[in-house]
Amino acid sequence: MALTFGKNEKLVSRKRIDTLFQGGKVLKKFPLLLKYNSTSDNPGVRIAVSVPKRKVKSAAKRNRIKRQIREAYRLNKSSLLETAAKKELDLALFLIYNGEEKTDFKKIQEKLVLILRELEEKL
């Protein structure tokens, strides 16, 4: 499995994001919060990442945190993709960073792995 993060893996549909926030489930591992929703329409996993301006004022820092989260996801997504493919699920994920300012990549990756494992167990 290629460790890429292509356009087809990004959650961009406004309609899908709205349904995710209206009826999605939540997992929390500080400083990350994951909203997710699953259907059985079109098997695959799509993800969006957000860093609120209220928490991190500087745009450069927000962008860096988003890049770190996407990179951590890219490196650790394989087991989630396999689980979704086996169960033929269409997952929509929305990761929100709730920490203050920036943290190191190791901490973000560690928490993201914990969230993805918990998500796999719940599926």
N, C-alpha and C. Protein backbone atom coordinates (compact mmCIF):
# COMPACT_ATOMS: atom_id res chain seq x y z
N MET A 1 0.84 -1.17 0.00
CA MET A 1 0.00 0.00 0.00
C MET A 1 0.89 1.25 0.00
N ALA A 2 0.60 2.15 -0.89
CA ALA A 2 1.39 3.37 -1.01
C ALA A 2 1.07 4.34 0.13
N LEU A 3 2.10 4.97 0.64
CA LEU A 3 1.91 5.95 1.70
C LEU A 3 1.74 7.33 1.09
N THR A 4 0.61 7.54 0.46
CA THR A 4 0.33 8.82 -0.17
C THR A 4 -0.89 9.45 0.47
N PHE A 5 -1.11 10.69 0.19
CA PHE A 5 -2.31 11.39 0.66
C PHE A 5 -2.82 12.22 -0.52
N GLY A 6 -3.53 11.56 -1.40
CA GLY A 6 -3.98 12.17 -2.63
C GLY A 6 -5.29 12.93 -2.50
N LYS A 7 -5.68 13.52 -3.60
CA LYS A 7 -6.89 14.32 -3.64
C LYS A 7 -8.14 13.48 -3.34
N ASN A 8 -8.13 12.22 -3.76
CA ASN A 8 -9.30 11.37 -3.55
C ASN A 8 -9.48 10.97 -2.08
N GLU A 9 -8.52 11.27 -1.22
CA GLU A 9 -8.63 10.95 0.21
C GLU A 9 -9.06 12.15 1.04
N LYS A 10 -9.22 13.31 0.42
CA LYS A 10 -9.57 14.51 1.16
C LYS A 10 -11.08 14.69 1.20
N LEU A 11 -11.58 15.07 2.34
CA LEU A 11 -13.00 15.33 2.52
C LEU A 11 -13.27 16.78 2.15
N VAL A 12 -13.94 17.00 1.04
CA VAL A 12 -14.18 18.36 0.57
C VAL A 12 -15.66 18.67 0.35
N SER A 13 -16.49 17.67 0.33
CA SER A 13 -17.92 17.87 0.07
C SER A 13 -18.59 18.58 1.24
N ARG A 14 -19.15 19.74 0.96
CA ARG A 14 -19.82 20.53 2.00
C ARG A 14 -21.01 19.77 2.58
N LYS A 15 -21.73 19.08 1.73
CA LYS A 15 -22.89 18.30 2.17
C LYS A 15 -22.45 17.20 3.14
N ARG A 16 -21.38 16.51 2.79
CA ARG A 16 -20.87 15.42 3.63
C ARG A 16 -20.35 15.95 4.97
N ILE A 17 -19.69 17.10 4.95
CA ILE A 17 -19.19 17.71 6.18
C ILE A 17 -20.34 18.12 7.08
N ASP A 18 -21.40 18.69 6.50
CA ASP A 18 -22.57 19.10 7.28
C ASP A 18 -23.23 17.90 7.95
N THR A 19 -23.40 16.79 7.21
CA THR A 19 -24.01 15.60 7.82
C THR A 19 -23.10 15.01 8.89
N LEU A 20 -21.80 15.14 8.69
CA LEU A 20 -20.83 14.66 9.67
C LEU A 20 -20.98 15.43 10.99
N PHE A 21 -21.10 16.74 10.91
CA PHE A 21 -21.21 17.54 12.13
C PHE A 21 -22.59 17.44 12.77
N GLN A 22 -23.62 17.13 11.99
CA GLN A 22 -24.95 16.98 12.56
C GLN A 22 -25.15 15.65 13.27
N GLY A 23 -24.63 14.58 12.68
CA GLY A 23 -24.91 13.27 13.26
C GLY A 23 -23.70 12.39 13.49
N GLY A 24 -22.51 12.96 13.47
CA GLY A 24 -21.30 12.17 13.63
C GLY A 24 -20.99 11.84 15.08
N LYS A 25 -20.12 10.87 15.25
CA LYS A 25 -19.66 10.48 16.58
C LYS A 25 -18.31 11.13 16.85
N VAL A 26 -17.92 11.18 18.11
CA VAL A 26 -16.71 11.91 18.51
C VAL A 26 -15.77 11.01 19.31
N LEU A 27 -14.47 11.14 19.01
CA LEU A 27 -13.41 10.54 19.80
C LEU A 27 -12.44 11.65 20.20
N LYS A 28 -11.97 11.62 21.45
CA LYS A 28 -11.07 12.66 21.92
C LYS A 28 -9.80 12.06 22.52
N LYS A 29 -8.69 12.59 22.10
CA LYS A 29 -7.38 12.33 22.71
C LYS A 29 -6.64 13.66 22.62
N PHE A 30 -6.57 14.37 23.72
CA PHE A 30 -5.97 15.70 23.69
C PHE A 30 -4.59 15.66 23.08
N PRO A 31 -4.28 16.52 22.16
CA PRO A 31 -4.94 17.72 21.66
C PRO A 31 -5.79 17.51 20.40
N LEU A 32 -6.16 16.26 20.09
CA LEU A 32 -6.94 16.00 18.88
C LEU A 32 -8.36 15.57 19.21
N LEU A 33 -9.29 15.98 18.35
CA LEU A 33 -10.67 15.57 18.44
C LEU A 33 -11.05 15.04 17.06
N LEU A 34 -11.66 13.87 17.01
CA LEU A 34 -12.03 13.25 15.74
C LEU A 34 -13.53 13.10 15.66
N LYS A 35 -14.13 13.71 14.66
CA LYS A 35 -15.55 13.49 14.36
C LYS A 35 -15.58 12.53 13.19
N TYR A 36 -16.42 11.51 13.29
CA TYR A 36 -16.49 10.54 12.20
C TYR A 36 -17.91 10.08 11.97
N ASN A 37 -18.13 9.62 10.75
CA ASN A 37 -19.42 9.14 10.32
C ASN A 37 -19.16 8.04 9.31
N SER A 38 -19.93 6.97 9.34
CA SER A 38 -19.70 5.90 8.39
C SER A 38 -21.01 5.51 7.71
N THR A 39 -20.89 5.20 6.42
CA THR A 39 -22.00 4.67 5.64
C THR A 39 -21.46 3.49 4.85
N SER A 40 -22.31 2.89 4.06
CA SER A 40 -21.84 1.77 3.24
C SER A 40 -22.05 2.08 1.76
N ASP A 41 -22.00 3.36 1.41
CA ASP A 41 -22.24 3.78 0.02
C ASP A 41 -21.08 3.41 -0.89
N ASN A 42 -19.96 4.05 -0.68
CA ASN A 42 -18.82 3.96 -1.58
C ASN A 42 -17.59 3.71 -0.72
N PRO A 43 -17.12 2.46 -0.59
CA PRO A 43 -16.04 2.15 0.35
C PRO A 43 -14.81 3.03 0.18
N GLY A 44 -14.32 3.54 1.28
CA GLY A 44 -13.13 4.38 1.28
C GLY A 44 -13.10 5.24 2.53
N VAL A 45 -12.01 5.97 2.70
CA VAL A 45 -11.84 6.86 3.85
C VAL A 45 -11.47 8.24 3.33
N ARG A 46 -12.20 9.23 3.80
CA ARG A 46 -11.90 10.63 3.45
C ARG A 46 -11.70 11.41 4.74
N ILE A 47 -10.74 12.33 4.72
CA ILE A 47 -10.39 13.05 5.95
C ILE A 47 -10.18 14.53 5.66
N ALA A 48 -10.54 15.35 6.65
CA ALA A 48 -10.27 16.78 6.63
C ALA A 48 -9.61 17.14 7.96
N VAL A 49 -8.78 18.17 7.93
CA VAL A 49 -8.03 18.59 9.12
C VAL A 49 -8.31 20.07 9.37
N SER A 50 -8.52 20.42 10.63
CA SER A 50 -8.79 21.82 10.97
C SER A 50 -8.02 22.21 12.23
N VAL A 51 -7.48 23.43 12.20
CA VAL A 51 -6.84 24.02 13.38
C VAL A 51 -7.51 25.37 13.59
N PRO A 52 -8.30 25.51 14.66
CA PRO A 52 -9.05 26.75 14.86
C PRO A 52 -8.17 27.97 15.11
N LYS A 53 -8.57 29.07 14.51
CA LYS A 53 -7.86 30.34 14.68
C LYS A 53 -7.96 30.82 16.13
N ARG A 54 -9.03 30.44 16.80
CA ARG A 54 -9.22 30.83 18.19
C ARG A 54 -8.12 30.26 19.09
N LYS A 55 -7.65 29.05 18.76
CA LYS A 55 -6.62 28.39 19.57
C LYS A 55 -5.21 28.78 19.14
N VAL A 56 -4.97 28.87 17.82
CA VAL A 56 -3.64 29.16 17.29
C VAL A 56 -3.77 30.38 16.40
N LYS A 57 -3.27 31.51 16.87
CA LYS A 57 -3.47 32.78 16.16
C LYS A 57 -2.69 32.91 14.86
N SER A 58 -1.46 32.46 14.86
CA SER A 58 -0.59 32.64 13.71
C SER A 58 -0.93 31.65 12.58
N ALA A 59 -1.14 32.17 11.38
CA ALA A 59 -1.46 31.32 10.23
C ALA A 59 -0.33 30.36 9.92
N ALA A 60 0.90 30.80 10.06
CA ALA A 60 2.04 29.94 9.78
C ALA A 60 2.06 28.75 10.75
N LYS A 61 1.76 28.99 12.02
CA LYS A 61 1.73 27.91 13.00
C LYS A 61 0.55 26.96 12.74
N ARG A 62 -0.61 27.52 12.35
CA ARG A 62 -1.78 26.69 12.03
C ARG A 62 -1.46 25.77 10.85
N ASN A 63 -0.85 26.33 9.82
CA ASN A 63 -0.51 25.53 8.64
C ASN A 63 0.50 24.44 8.96
N ARG A 64 1.46 24.76 9.81
CA ARG A 64 2.47 23.76 10.21
C ARG A 64 1.80 22.61 10.96
N ILE A 65 0.90 22.93 11.88
CA ILE A 65 0.21 21.90 12.64
C ILE A 65 -0.63 21.03 11.70
N LYS A 66 -1.32 21.65 10.74
CA LYS A 66 -2.11 20.88 9.78
C LYS A 66 -1.22 19.94 8.95
N ARG A 67 -0.07 20.44 8.54
CA ARG A 67 0.86 19.59 7.78
C ARG A 67 1.33 18.41 8.63
N GLN A 68 1.61 18.66 9.90
CA GLN A 68 2.07 17.60 10.79
C GLN A 68 0.97 16.55 11.00
N ILE A 69 -0.26 16.98 11.15
CA ILE A 69 -1.37 16.05 11.35
C ILE A 69 -1.58 15.21 10.09
N ARG A 70 -1.55 15.85 8.92
CA ARG A 70 -1.71 15.11 7.66
C ARG A 70 -0.58 14.10 7.47
N GLU A 71 0.63 14.49 7.82
CA GLU A 71 1.77 13.58 7.69
C GLU A 71 1.63 12.40 8.65
N ALA A 72 1.22 12.64 9.87
CA ALA A 72 1.02 11.56 10.84
C ALA A 72 -0.07 10.61 10.34
N TYR A 73 -1.13 11.16 9.77
CA TYR A 73 -2.20 10.32 9.22
C TYR A 73 -1.67 9.49 8.04
N ARG A 74 -0.94 10.13 7.16
CA ARG A 74 -0.41 9.46 5.97
C ARG A 74 0.45 8.25 6.36
N LEU A 75 1.24 8.40 7.40
CA LEU A 75 2.14 7.33 7.83
C LEU A 75 1.42 6.20 8.58
N ASN A 76 0.25 6.48 9.14
CA ASN A 76 -0.40 5.51 10.03
C ASN A 76 -1.80 5.09 9.58
N LYS A 77 -2.15 5.34 8.34
CA LYS A 77 -3.51 5.09 7.88
C LYS A 77 -3.75 3.67 7.38
N SER A 78 -2.73 2.89 7.15
CA SER A 78 -2.87 1.61 6.46
C SER A 78 -3.85 0.64 7.16
N SER A 79 -3.77 0.49 8.46
CA SER A 79 -4.66 -0.45 9.14
C SER A 79 -6.11 0.03 9.11
N LEU A 80 -6.32 1.34 9.18
CA LEU A 80 -7.68 1.88 9.09
C LEU A 80 -8.27 1.62 7.71
N LEU A 81 -7.46 1.82 6.68
CA LEU A 81 -7.94 1.58 5.31
C LEU A 81 -8.29 0.12 5.10
N GLU A 82 -7.48 -0.78 5.66
CA GLU A 82 -7.76 -2.21 5.54
C GLU A 82 -9.06 -2.58 6.24
N THR A 83 -9.27 -2.03 7.43
CA THR A 83 -10.50 -2.30 8.19
C THR A 83 -11.71 -1.79 7.44
N ALA A 84 -11.62 -0.58 6.88
CA ALA A 84 -12.73 0.00 6.14
C ALA A 84 -13.02 -0.81 4.87
N ALA A 85 -11.98 -1.30 4.22
CA ALA A 85 -12.16 -2.10 3.00
C ALA A 85 -12.81 -3.44 3.32
N LYS A 86 -12.40 -4.08 4.42
CA LYS A 86 -12.97 -5.37 4.81
C LYS A 86 -14.47 -5.25 5.09
N LYS A 87 -14.83 -4.19 5.81
CA LYS A 87 -16.23 -4.00 6.20
C LYS A 87 -17.01 -3.20 5.17
N GLU A 88 -16.35 -2.82 4.07
CA GLU A 88 -16.97 -2.03 3.00
C GLU A 88 -17.65 -0.78 3.54
N LEU A 89 -16.91 -0.01 4.31
CA LEU A 89 -17.43 1.23 4.90
C LEU A 89 -16.93 2.45 4.15
N ASP A 90 -17.75 3.47 4.12
CA ASP A 90 -17.38 4.77 3.59
C ASP A 90 -17.24 5.69 4.80
N LEU A 91 -16.01 5.96 5.21
CA LEU A 91 -15.75 6.76 6.41
C LEU A 91 -15.46 8.20 6.05
N ALA A 92 -16.07 9.11 6.79
CA ALA A 92 -15.74 10.53 6.70
C ALA A 92 -15.15 10.92 8.05
N LEU A 93 -13.93 11.44 8.04
CA LEU A 93 -13.23 11.81 9.27
C LEU A 93 -12.94 13.31 9.25
N PHE A 94 -13.09 13.96 10.38
CA PHE A 94 -12.74 15.37 10.51
C PHE A 94 -11.91 15.51 11.78
N LEU A 95 -10.63 15.80 11.62
CA LEU A 95 -9.72 15.96 12.75
C LEU A 95 -9.61 17.43 13.13
N ILE A 96 -9.79 17.72 14.39
CA ILE A 96 -9.71 19.09 14.89
C ILE A 96 -8.63 19.14 15.97
N TYR A 97 -7.71 20.08 15.83
CA TYR A 97 -6.64 20.27 16.81
C TYR A 97 -7.14 21.24 17.87
N ASN A 98 -7.11 20.81 19.13
CA ASN A 98 -7.62 21.65 20.22
C ASN A 98 -6.55 22.16 21.17
N GLY A 99 -5.29 21.93 20.86
CA GLY A 99 -4.20 22.35 21.74
C GLY A 99 -3.89 23.83 21.59
N GLU A 100 -3.11 24.31 22.51
CA GLU A 100 -2.66 25.70 22.45
C GLU A 100 -1.33 25.75 21.72
N GLU A 101 -1.23 26.65 20.77
CA GLU A 101 -0.01 26.83 19.97
C GLU A 101 0.46 25.52 19.39
N LYS A 102 1.76 25.38 19.14
CA LYS A 102 2.22 24.18 18.46
C LYS A 102 2.82 23.16 19.42
N THR A 103 2.74 21.92 19.03
CA THR A 103 3.38 20.84 19.78
C THR A 103 4.28 20.08 18.82
N ASP A 104 5.08 19.19 19.35
CA ASP A 104 6.01 18.46 18.49
C ASP A 104 5.31 17.34 17.74
N PHE A 105 5.91 16.93 16.64
CA PHE A 105 5.33 15.93 15.75
C PHE A 105 5.13 14.59 16.44
N LYS A 106 6.05 14.21 17.31
CA LYS A 106 5.94 12.92 18.00
C LYS A 106 4.67 12.83 18.84
N LYS A 107 4.34 13.91 19.52
CA LYS A 107 3.13 13.92 20.36
C LYS A 107 1.88 13.83 19.49
N ILE A 108 1.86 14.59 18.40
CA ILE A 108 0.71 14.55 17.50
C ILE A 108 0.55 13.16 16.91
N GLN A 109 1.64 12.56 16.48
CA GLN A 109 1.59 11.23 15.88
C GLN A 109 1.12 10.19 16.90
N GLU A 110 1.62 10.29 18.11
CA GLU A 110 1.24 9.35 19.17
C GLU A 110 -0.27 9.40 19.43
N LYS A 111 -0.81 10.60 19.55
CA LYS A 111 -2.24 10.76 19.83
C LYS A 111 -3.09 10.33 18.63
N LEU A 112 -2.61 10.62 17.43
CA LEU A 112 -3.35 10.23 16.24
C LEU A 112 -3.42 8.71 16.12
N VAL A 113 -2.34 8.02 16.43
CA VAL A 113 -2.33 6.56 16.39
C VAL A 113 -3.34 6.01 17.40
N LEU A 114 -3.39 6.60 18.60
CA LEU A 114 -4.36 6.16 19.61
C LEU A 114 -5.79 6.35 19.12
N ILE A 115 -6.07 7.49 18.51
CA ILE A 115 -7.42 7.76 18.00
C ILE A 115 -7.78 6.78 16.88
N LEU A 116 -6.85 6.53 15.96
CA LEU A 116 -7.15 5.62 14.85
C LEU A 116 -7.39 4.20 15.34
N ARG A 117 -6.62 3.77 16.33
CA ARG A 117 -6.84 2.44 16.91
C ARG A 117 -8.22 2.34 17.57
N GLU A 118 -8.58 3.37 18.32
CA GLU A 118 -9.89 3.38 18.98
C GLU A 118 -11.01 3.38 17.95
N LEU A 119 -10.81 4.12 16.86
CA LEU A 119 -11.80 4.16 15.79
C LEU A 119 -11.97 2.78 15.17
N GLU A 120 -10.87 2.09 14.91
CA GLU A 120 -10.93 0.74 14.34
C GLU A 120 -11.71 -0.21 15.25
N GLU A 121 -11.51 -0.08 16.56
CA GLU A 121 -12.23 -0.94 17.51
C GLU A 121 -13.72 -0.65 17.49
N LYS A 122 -14.09 0.61 17.33
CA LYS A 122 -15.51 0.98 17.33
C LYS A 122 -16.22 0.56 16.05
N LEU A 123 -15.46 0.43 14.96
CA LEU A 123 -16.07 0.00 13.70
C LEU A 123 -16.34 -1.46 13.79
